């Protein structure tokens, strides 16, 4: 398995695995709506990773 090089790359991989389109109220959605949904997931994933790192730093102190 190849090494994951960046947080964005990791977020995109996980986004592809975790789509919940069958539960989406906008289903079927246009390509633009799909991109907005994916970008929101990636942004939230990055914020979550940042928050977790901050929590670990606080816990280590």
Protein backbone atom coordinates (compact mmCIF):
# COMPACT_ATOMS: atom_id res chain seq x y z
CA UNK A 1 0.00 0.00 0.00
CA UNK A 2 1.32 3.41 -0.92
CA UNK A 3 2.02 6.01 1.73
CA UNK A 4 -0.51 8.82 2.07
CA UNK A 5 1.35 12.08 1.60
CA UNK A 6 -1.02 14.79 2.75
CA UNK A 7 -4.07 15.47 4.84
CA UNK A 8 -6.04 16.60 1.78
CA UNK A 9 -5.23 13.37 -0.03
CA UNK A 10 -6.35 11.35 2.99
CA UNK A 11 -9.58 13.36 3.22
CA UNK A 12 -10.35 12.76 -0.47
CA UNK A 13 -9.80 9.02 -0.10
CA UNK A 14 -12.07 8.82 2.94
CA UNK A 15 -14.66 11.05 1.25
CA UNK A 16 -14.83 8.62 -1.64
CA UNK A 17 -15.42 5.71 0.73
CA UNK A 18 -18.01 7.38 2.93
CA UNK A 19 -20.51 8.96 0.56
CA UNK A 20 -24.04 8.71 1.90
CA UNK A 21 -25.79 9.78 -1.30
CA UNK A 22 -28.63 7.28 -0.80
CA UNK A 23 -29.59 9.15 2.41
CA UNK A 24 -29.20 12.64 0.93
CA UNK A 25 -32.40 14.71 0.55
CA UNK A 26 -30.96 16.20 -2.67
CA UNK A 27 -30.57 12.80 -4.34
CA UNK A 28 -30.03 12.72 -7.29
CA UNK A 29 -27.78 15.73 -7.22
CA UNK A 30 -25.99 17.67 -9.91
CA UNK A 31 -22.22 17.68 -10.31
CA UNK A 32 -22.00 21.10 -8.65
CA UNK A 33 -23.96 19.92 -5.60
CA UNK A 34 -21.76 16.83 -5.42
CA UNK A 35 -18.60 18.98 -5.42
CA UNK A 36 -20.01 21.26 -2.71
CA UNK A 37 -20.82 18.22 -0.57
CA UNK A 38 -17.35 16.72 -1.09
CA UNK A 39 -15.58 20.01 -0.37
CA UNK A 40 -17.60 20.45 2.84
CA UNK A 41 -16.64 16.94 3.95
CA UNK A 42 -12.95 17.56 3.24
CA UNK A 43 -13.00 20.87 5.12
CA UNK A 44 -14.73 19.26 8.10
CA UNK A 45 -12.28 16.36 8.07
CA UNK A 46 -9.32 18.74 8.14
CA UNK A 47 -10.84 20.72 11.02
CA UNK A 48 -11.48 17.48 12.91
CA UNK A 49 -7.88 16.34 12.53
CA UNK A 50 -6.63 19.74 13.68
CA UNK A 51 -8.94 19.64 16.73
CA UNK A 52 -7.79 16.12 17.62
CA UNK A 53 -4.13 17.15 17.44
CA UNK A 54 -4.83 20.10 19.76
CA UNK A 55 -6.62 17.80 22.22
CA UNK A 56 -3.67 15.39 22.24
CA UNK A 57 -1.25 18.25 22.92
CA UNK A 58 -3.37 19.44 25.85
CA UNK A 59 -3.59 15.92 27.21
CA UNK A 60 0.18 15.42 26.98
CA UNK A 61 0.91 18.55 29.04
